[in-house]
């Protein structure tokens, strides 16, 4: 079966090399993996190494609490952080808590063997769904402990189908699998895998810490004055159409688009017209009631100043992080396509979030939360929900400590 697995990986890599000539992300994927062997020469031979792998930015945020706890508790260890996707690496390539950040070499024998021997980790940590069977097989052969964290299994995955025997065998090479829920552990138990521990989702730890540390932005506070505001985070064009034109006199609106390239910012500017202003022009603000964040890294500070949050992606691209605003006690509104995001249903059930399907329902949700009693209940429920789900990092670190000690 490994022949077919490697053949599929090889074909995929060829496809990406072809796509690199016309697709920017594919080009980053290809060029970022050049000369990777030389990058590994920076690993000191007199230090123990821990390898952490994430697919992209979302998985990184789940792995980040563990990376930072390892760095704090084991400062003399050398941490190698790898990414599969450019959307993770390009944003976090200068992450200060990892000693080396790089792309993961393609999972072929000509590369995975060299990578593992050069890194020589005492522990390999994979976040969520990064099941690279070639790497897992080589790590097992070298008796290197393998830890998976924040995993959530579903019964429709190939592991649990009649043809999933080979994939199941690969999962059995993992030392410990930290899963998010009891359903995942039961699914693994049913196929003879008893190494799963229910630890929960590390994102709750991360967003709870962020909420405690975040600071307000003075220039935005001045712009808000005594007005409350709705924060629209990680929005796409389809989300704009739900909110704009903005005619709510009770709230100002802050839009933080998911992408901040020039064309996307120009698109939003055209939609908001004279009623909106860019963050980079905020010192010249007049009476605008819409602020467009045209730089990265500001969502936490504006969530701290917000009253209600709308989170984009719930109409097709994939719902973005609803836990961040919830941790600040902001009632959350989002689109109704969130089947793959269990936290969405959980937050709705906790009466801290409202799902919508059109502009009218968006306006109705805002109107509902304008009522003080409704708002205070939803806000309290959001904060309590996030805090009740924290603790995954401690459980995972118990496994890390057991392996390293």
Protein backbone atom coordinates (compact mmCIF):
# COMPACT_ATOMS: atom_id res chain seq x y z
CA UNK A 1 0.00 0.00 0.00
CA UNK A 2 2.89 2.37 0.62
CA UNK A 3 3.69 2.20 -3.10
CA UNK A 4 0.27 3.67 -3.92
CA UNK A 5 0.52 6.19 -1.07
CA UNK A 6 3.88 7.48 -2.28
CA UNK A 7 2.69 7.47 -5.88
CA UNK A 8 -0.22 9.71 -4.89
CA UNK A 9 2.10 12.07 -3.00
CA UNK A 10 4.48 12.22 -5.98
CA UNK A 11 1.68 13.03 -8.43
CA UNK A 12 0.38 15.72 -6.06
CA UNK A 13 3.82 17.33 -5.88
CA UNK A 14 4.08 17.33 -9.69
CA UNK A 15 0.68 19.00 -9.94
CA UNK A 16 1.77 21.74 -7.51
CA UNK A 17 4.96 22.37 -9.46
CA UNK A 18 2.91 22.86 -12.60
CA UNK A 19 0.43 25.09 -10.75
CA UNK A 20 3.30 27.21 -9.41
CA UNK A 21 3.66 28.86 -12.81
CA UNK A 22 0.26 30.56 -12.47
CA UNK A 23 -0.82 30.21 -8.82
CA UNK A 24 0.87 32.35 -6.15
CA UNK A 25 0.22 29.99 -3.21
CA UNK A 26 1.46 27.01 -5.20
CA UNK A 27 4.59 28.98 -6.06
CA UNK A 28 5.22 29.70 -2.38
CA UNK A 29 4.65 26.01 -1.60
CA UNK A 30 7.29 24.97 -4.14
CA UNK A 31 9.92 27.68 -3.64
CA UNK A 32 9.62 27.51 0.15
CA UNK A 33 10.77 23.89 0.11
CA UNK A 34 13.94 24.53 -1.86
CA UNK A 35 17.23 24.04 -0.05
CA UNK A 36 15.51 22.66 3.05
CA UNK A 37 18.42 20.39 3.92
CA UNK A 38 20.71 23.40 4.44
CA UNK A 39 18.20 24.95 6.82
CA UNK A 40 18.46 21.91 9.07
CA UNK A 41 22.20 22.48 9.51
CA UNK A 42 21.33 25.20 12.04
CA UNK A 43 20.14 22.56 14.52
CA UNK A 44 22.80 22.28 17.26
CA UNK A 45 24.15 18.81 17.93
CA UNK A 46 24.40 19.40 21.67
CA UNK A 47 20.67 20.02 22.22
CA UNK A 48 17.66 17.74 22.30
CA UNK A 49 15.13 18.57 19.60
CA UNK A 50 11.34 18.54 19.59
CA UNK A 51 9.55 18.64 16.25
CA UNK A 52 6.07 20.21 16.02
CA UNK A 53 4.12 20.08 12.76
CA UNK A 54 1.03 22.08 11.76
CA UNK A 55 -0.84 22.15 8.47
CA UNK A 56 -1.64 25.85 8.47
CA UNK A 57 -2.43 28.85 10.63
CA UNK A 58 -5.53 27.41 12.31
CA UNK A 59 -3.67 24.31 13.44
CA UNK A 60 -0.79 26.46 14.59
CA UNK A 61 -3.13 28.32 16.95
CA UNK A 62 -4.13 24.95 18.42
CA UNK A 63 -0.53 23.87 18.81
CA UNK A 64 0.74 27.22 20.04
CA UNK A 65 -0.19 26.79 23.73
CA UNK A 66 1.78 23.52 23.79
CA UNK A 67 4.79 25.01 22.00
CA UNK A 68 4.91 27.88 24.46
CA UNK A 69 4.55 25.63 27.49
CA UNK A 70 7.36 23.40 26.20
CA UNK A 71 9.56 26.45 25.61
CA UNK A 72 8.86 27.64 29.13
CA UNK A 73 9.36 24.29 30.88
CA UNK A 74 12.16 22.95 28.66
CA UNK A 75 14.12 26.07 27.63
CA UNK A 76 17.20 24.09 26.62
CA UNK A 77 15.36 22.05 24.00
CA UNK A 78 15.54 23.10 20.35
CA UNK A 79 12.08 23.40 18.76
CA UNK A 80 11.61 22.79 15.05
CA UNK A 81 8.23 24.00 13.76
CA UNK A 82 7.08 22.92 10.30
CA UNK A 83 4.13 23.95 8.16
CA UNK A 84 2.52 22.30 5.16
CA UNK A 85 0.71 25.36 3.85
CA UNK A 86 2.01 28.82 2.87
CA UNK A 87 -0.90 30.42 4.73
CA UNK A 88 0.65 29.14 7.94
CA UNK A 89 4.34 29.51 7.23
CA UNK A 90 4.22 32.97 5.65
CA UNK A 91 2.40 34.41 8.67
CA UNK A 92 4.42 32.62 11.38
CA UNK A 93 7.87 32.19 9.82
CA UNK A 94 9.31 34.58 12.43
CA UNK A 95 7.55 33.00 15.40
CA UNK A 96 9.92 33.64 18.29
CA UNK A 97 9.04 30.59 20.41
CA UNK A 98 10.35 28.17 17.77
CA UNK A 99 14.07 27.95 17.08
CA UNK A 100 13.60 26.93 13.45
CA UNK A 101 10.46 27.47 11.33
CA UNK A 102 10.28 25.88 7.88
CA UNK A 103 8.10 24.07 5.37
CA UNK A 104 7.66 20.33 5.81
CA UNK A 105 9.50 18.48 3.03
CA UNK A 106 7.23 16.38 0.83
CA UNK A 107 6.40 12.97 2.33
CA UNK A 108 8.50 10.80 0.03
CA UNK A 109 11.24 8.36 1.16
CA UNK A 110 13.92 10.48 -0.48
CA UNK A 111 12.98 13.36 1.80
CA UNK A 112 11.26 12.11 4.95
CA UNK A 113 14.20 9.88 5.94
CA UNK A 114 16.73 12.71 5.56
CA UNK A 115 14.49 15.14 7.44
CA UNK A 116 13.95 12.88 10.44
CA UNK A 117 17.62 11.89 10.68
CA UNK A 118 18.71 15.54 10.51
CA UNK A 119 16.17 16.75 13.07
CA UNK A 120 16.59 13.64 15.24
CA UNK A 121 13.70 14.60 17.55
CA UNK A 122 13.16 13.11 20.97
CA UNK A 123 9.44 13.80 20.41
CA UNK A 124 7.32 14.53 17.33
CA UNK A 125 4.04 16.41 17.82
CA UNK A 126 1.43 16.62 15.06
CA UNK A 127 -1.54 18.98 15.34
CA UNK A 128 -5.01 17.82 14.37
CA UNK A 129 -5.26 16.05 10.97
CA UNK A 130 -1.67 15.91 9.71
CA UNK A 131 -1.54 12.17 9.04
CA UNK A 132 1.59 11.86 6.90
CA UNK A 133 1.99 8.11 6.92
CA UNK A 134 5.53 8.08 5.51
CA UNK A 135 6.77 10.27 8.33
CA UNK A 136 4.83 8.29 10.92
CA UNK A 137 6.32 5.04 9.63
CA UNK A 138 9.91 6.34 9.77
CA UNK A 139 9.43 7.81 13.23
CA UNK A 140 8.09 4.48 14.48
CA UNK A 141 11.00 2.59 12.95
CA UNK A 142 13.40 4.86 14.86
CA UNK A 143 11.42 4.49 18.12
CA UNK A 144 10.70 8.22 18.28
CA UNK A 145 7.54 8.95 20.34
CA UNK A 146 4.66 10.42 18.31
CA UNK A 147 2.02 12.65 19.86
CA UNK A 148 -1.11 13.88 18.10
CA UNK A 149 -3.08 16.73 19.69
CA UNK A 150 -6.47 18.42 19.20
CA UNK A 151 -7.71 15.63 16.92
CA UNK A 152 -11.40 15.18 16.21
CA UNK A 153 -12.56 12.08 14.35
CA UNK A 154 -15.85 11.61 12.48
CA UNK A 155 -17.43 8.30 11.54
CA UNK A 156 -17.47 9.20 7.84
CA UNK A 157 -13.66 9.43 7.69
CA UNK A 158 -11.85 6.74 5.72
CA UNK A 159 -10.28 5.32 8.90
CA UNK A 160 -13.67 3.89 9.85
CA UNK A 161 -14.79 2.57 6.46
CA UNK A 162 -14.57 -1.05 5.27
CA UNK A 163 -11.52 -0.13 3.20
CA UNK A 164 -9.75 1.68 6.04
CA UNK A 165 -7.65 -1.21 7.36
CA UNK A 166 -4.30 0.08 6.09
CA UNK A 167 -4.93 3.59 7.42
CA UNK A 168 -5.97 2.13 10.77
CA UNK A 169 -2.66 0.27 10.93
CA UNK A 170 -0.82 3.58 10.49
CA UNK A 171 -2.76 5.20 13.32
CA UNK A 172 -1.62 2.41 15.63
CA UNK A 173 1.95 3.70 15.29
CA UNK A 174 1.06 6.86 17.21
CA UNK A 175 2.15 6.81 20.86
CA UNK A 176 -0.69 8.98 22.23
CA UNK A 177 -3.63 10.63 20.44
CA UNK A 178 -5.18 13.55 22.30
CA UNK A 179 -8.74 13.92 20.99
CA UNK A 180 -11.23 16.69 21.48
CA UNK A 181 -14.25 14.62 22.48
CA UNK A 182 -15.58 11.28 23.69
CA UNK A 183 -17.01 10.45 20.25
CA UNK A 184 -13.49 10.48 18.79
CA UNK A 185 -12.13 8.20 21.49
CA UNK A 186 -14.99 5.75 21.01
CA UNK A 187 -14.42 5.63 17.25
CA UNK A 188 -10.77 4.76 17.85
CA UNK A 189 -11.61 2.18 20.49
CA UNK A 190 -13.96 0.48 18.02
CA UNK A 191 -11.06 -0.15 15.63
CA UNK A 192 -8.73 -1.40 18.33
CA UNK A 193 -6.84 1.81 19.10
CA UNK A 194 -6.69 2.44 22.84
CA UNK A 195 -4.07 5.19 23.01
CA UNK A 196 -6.56 8.08 22.89
CA UNK A 197 -6.99 10.58 25.71
CA UNK A 198 -9.88 13.04 25.78
CA UNK A 199 -8.21 16.36 26.51
CA UNK A 200 -10.43 18.86 24.68
CA UNK A 201 -9.48 21.66 22.32
CA UNK A 202 -6.39 23.76 23.06
CA UNK A 203 -7.95 26.72 21.25
CA UNK A 204 -10.01 27.45 24.36
CA UNK A 205 -6.83 27.84 26.40
CA UNK A 206 -5.37 30.09 23.74
CA UNK A 207 -8.35 32.42 23.35
CA UNK A 208 -8.82 32.64 27.11
CA UNK A 209 -5.18 33.73 27.51
CA UNK A 210 -5.56 36.21 24.65
CA UNK A 211 -8.61 37.78 26.25
CA UNK A 212 -6.74 38.29 29.50
CA UNK A 213 -3.69 39.85 27.82
CA UNK A 214 -5.24 41.97 25.05
CA UNK A 215 -4.95 45.75 25.16
CA UNK A 216 -7.20 48.40 23.66
CA UNK A 217 -6.05 50.65 20.81
CA UNK A 218 -6.18 54.29 21.83
CA UNK A 219 -6.86 55.77 18.39
CA UNK A 220 -9.84 53.42 17.89
CA UNK A 221 -11.16 54.22 21.37
CA UNK A 222 -11.08 57.88 20.45
CA UNK A 223 -12.95 57.18 17.18
CA UNK A 224 -15.62 55.19 19.02
CA UNK A 225 -16.24 57.90 21.59
CA UNK A 226 -19.25 56.85 23.64
CA UNK A 227 -20.65 54.63 20.89
CA UNK A 228 -20.90 50.84 21.07
CA UNK A 229 -19.67 48.84 18.10
CA UNK A 230 -20.15 45.63 16.14
CA UNK A 231 -16.92 43.88 15.17
CA UNK A 232 -17.06 42.02 11.85
CA UNK A 233 -14.05 39.71 11.92
CA UNK A 234 -12.48 37.68 9.09
CA UNK A 235 -15.07 38.74 6.54
CA UNK A 236 -15.45 37.94 2.85
CA UNK A 237 -17.39 39.71 0.12
CA UNK A 238 -20.55 37.71 0.85
CA UNK A 239 -20.39 38.87 4.46
CA UNK A 240 -20.16 42.51 3.38
CA UNK A 241 -23.51 42.23 1.64
CA UNK A 242 -25.18 41.19 4.90
CA UNK A 243 -24.05 44.32 6.70
CA UNK A 244 -23.73 47.04 4.09
CA UNK A 245 -25.02 49.61 3.76
CA UNK A 246 -24.69 50.08 7.52
CA UNK A 247 -27.73 51.98 8.74
CA UNK A 248 -27.77 51.11 12.45
CA UNK A 249 -27.71 54.29 14.52
CA UNK A 250 -26.98 52.48 17.80
CA UNK A 251 -23.64 50.97 16.80
CA UNK A 252 -20.55 51.78 14.83
CA UNK A 253 -19.09 49.02 12.67
CA UNK A 254 -15.49 47.77 12.49
CA UNK A 255 -14.67 45.47 9.57
CA UNK A 256 -11.59 43.24 9.74
CA UNK A 257 -11.48 41.44 6.36
CA UNK A 258 -9.96 37.97 6.14
CA UNK A 259 -7.70 39.13 3.32
CA UNK A 260 -6.16 42.60 3.30
CA UNK A 261 -4.70 42.75 -0.19
CA UNK A 262 -5.19 45.94 -2.18
CA UNK A 263 -8.09 44.67 -4.30
CA UNK A 264 -10.06 43.44 -1.28
CA UNK A 265 -9.58 46.71 0.61
CA UNK A 266 -10.61 48.67 -2.48
CA UNK A 267 -13.71 46.50 -2.80
CA UNK A 268 -14.76 47.31 0.78
CA UNK A 269 -13.98 51.02 0.33
CA UNK A 270 -16.34 51.14 -2.64
CA UNK A 271 -19.08 49.49 -0.60
CA UNK A 272 -18.80 51.69 2.48
CA UNK A 273 -18.28 54.91 0.51
CA UNK A 274 -18.12 58.16 2.46
CA UNK A 275 -19.40 56.45 5.61
CA UNK A 276 -16.18 54.47 6.08
CA UNK A 277 -12.54 55.15 6.83
CA UNK A 278 -9.39 52.99 6.78
CA UNK A 279 -7.45 52.41 9.97
CA UNK A 280 -4.33 53.92 8.39
CA UNK A 281 -6.30 57.16 7.80
CA UNK A 282 -7.98 57.26 11.20
CA UNK A 283 -6.17 60.37 12.38
CA UNK A 284 -8.12 62.29 9.74
CA UNK A 285 -11.52 60.87 10.73
CA UNK A 286 -14.59 63.07 10.43
CA UNK A 287 -18.00 61.56 11.18
CA UNK A 288 -17.53 58.10 9.63
CA UNK A 289 -19.37 55.27 11.37
CA UNK A 290 -17.49 52.38 9.69
CA UNK A 291 -13.83 51.55 10.28
CA UNK A 292 -11.99 49.18 7.94
CA UNK A 293 -8.88 47.52 9.36
CA UNK A 294 -6.38 47.41 6.51
CA UNK A 295 -3.56 45.85 8.49
CA UNK A 296 -3.09 42.55 10.30
CA UNK A 297 -2.98 41.60 13.95
CA UNK A 298 -5.62 43.95 15.35
CA UNK A 299 -8.61 41.70 15.92
CA UNK A 300 -7.87 40.99 19.58
CA UNK A 301 -7.58 44.65 20.47
CA UNK A 302 -10.84 45.55 18.73
CA UNK A 303 -12.67 42.56 20.23
CA UNK A 304 -11.70 43.98 23.62
CA UNK A 305 -13.48 47.21 22.66
CA UNK A 306 -16.43 45.52 20.97
CA UNK A 307 -19.98 44.86 22.00
CA UNK A 308 -21.20 42.29 19.43
CA UNK A 309 -19.20 40.17 16.98
CA UNK A 310 -20.04 38.92 13.53
CA UNK A 311 -17.58 36.27 12.28
CA UNK A 312 -17.20 35.59 8.58
CA UNK A 313 -16.78 32.40 6.62
CA UNK A 314 -20.09 30.84 7.61
CA UNK A 315 -21.46 31.03 4.07
CA UNK A 316 -19.06 28.74 2.29
CA UNK A 317 -15.36 29.44 2.84
CA UNK A 318 -15.34 27.84 6.31
CA UNK A 319 -16.33 29.52 9.55
CA UNK A 320 -13.48 31.46 11.11
CA UNK A 321 -12.58 31.75 14.79
CA UNK A 322 -15.73 32.37 16.84
CA UNK A 323 -14.03 31.50 20.12
CA UNK A 324 -11.87 34.64 20.17
CA UNK A 325 -14.77 37.10 20.46
CA UNK A 326 -16.68 34.72 22.75
CA UNK A 327 -13.74 34.76 25.17
CA UNK A 328 -14.18 38.53 25.46
CA UNK A 329 -17.86 38.04 26.29
CA UNK A 330 -19.07 39.23 22.89
CA UNK A 331 -22.26 37.54 21.66
CA UNK A 332 -21.41 36.04 18.26
CA UNK A 333 -23.38 36.05 15.00
CA UNK A 334 -22.37 33.86 12.05
CA UNK A 335 -23.65 32.12 8.92
CA UNK A 336 -25.53 28.84 8.99
CA UNK A 337 -22.94 26.63 7.24
CA UNK A 338 -20.97 25.41 10.21
CA UNK A 339 -21.43 21.63 10.24
CA UNK A 340 -17.68 20.99 10.58
CA UNK A 341 -17.30 23.38 13.49
CA UNK A 342 -18.69 21.79 16.67
CA UNK A 343 -17.94 24.91 18.69
CA UNK A 344 -20.57 26.76 16.66
CA UNK A 345 -23.42 24.46 17.67
CA UNK A 346 -22.10 24.31 21.23
CA UNK A 347 -22.09 28.11 21.49
CA UNK A 348 -25.61 28.30 20.02
CA UNK A 349 -26.79 25.68 22.54
CA UNK A 350 -25.16 27.73 25.30
CA UNK A 351 -27.25 30.72 24.13
CA UNK A 352 -24.19 32.80 23.37
CA UNK A 353 -24.42 32.78 19.58
CA UNK A 354 -26.97 33.30 16.81
CA UNK A 355 -26.81 31.76 13.34
CA UNK A 356 -28.24 33.64 10.37
CA UNK A 357 -28.92 33.02 6.70
CA UNK A 358 -29.64 36.49 5.26
CA UNK A 359 -29.50 40.25 5.86
CA UNK A 360 -32.89 40.39 7.59
CA UNK A 361 -31.83 37.76 10.10
CA UNK A 362 -28.58 39.63 10.67
CA UNK A 363 -30.49 42.82 11.47
CA UNK A 364 -32.92 40.86 13.66
CA UNK A 365 -30.01 39.39 15.61
CA UNK A 366 -28.53 42.84 16.21
CA UNK A 367 -31.94 44.13 17.28
CA UNK A 368 -32.38 41.17 19.66
CA UNK A 369 -29.02 41.88 21.29
CA UNK A 370 -29.85 45.57 21.61
CA UNK A 371 -32.22 44.58 24.43
CA UNK A 372 -30.13 44.82 27.60
CA UNK A 373 -31.42 41.62 29.21
CA UNK A 374 -30.75 39.56 26.08
CA UNK A 375 -27.30 41.03 25.62
CA UNK A 376 -26.16 40.50 29.20
CA UNK A 377 -27.34 36.89 29.17
CA UNK A 378 -25.60 36.09 25.87
CA UNK A 379 -22.41 37.88 26.93
CA UNK A 380 -22.23 36.01 30.22
CA UNK A 381 -22.94 32.70 28.50
CA UNK A 382 -20.07 33.26 26.04
CA UNK A 383 -17.54 33.95 28.77
CA UNK A 384 -18.66 31.00 30.89
CA UNK A 385 -18.68 28.67 27.90
CA UNK A 386 -15.08 29.41 26.95
CA UNK A 387 -13.79 29.16 30.51
CA UNK A 388 -15.60 25.85 31.03
CA UNK A 389 -13.74 24.32 28.08
CA UNK A 390 -10.19 25.29 29.11
CA UNK A 391 -7.63 22.84 30.46
CA UNK A 392 -6.61 20.84 27.37
CA UNK A 393 -3.05 22.17 27.44
CA UNK A 394 -2.41 20.84 30.94
CA UNK A 395 -3.62 17.35 30.03
CA UNK A 396 -1.47 17.30 26.88
CA UNK A 397 1.57 18.56 28.79
CA UNK A 398 1.18 15.63 31.19
CA UNK A 399 1.84 13.36 28.21
CA UNK A 400 4.75 15.52 27.02
CA UNK A 401 6.31 15.45 30.48
CA UNK A 402 5.89 11.70 30.74
CA UNK A 403 7.67 11.18 27.43
CA UNK A 404 10.49 13.67 28.01
CA UNK A 405 11.15 12.57 31.58
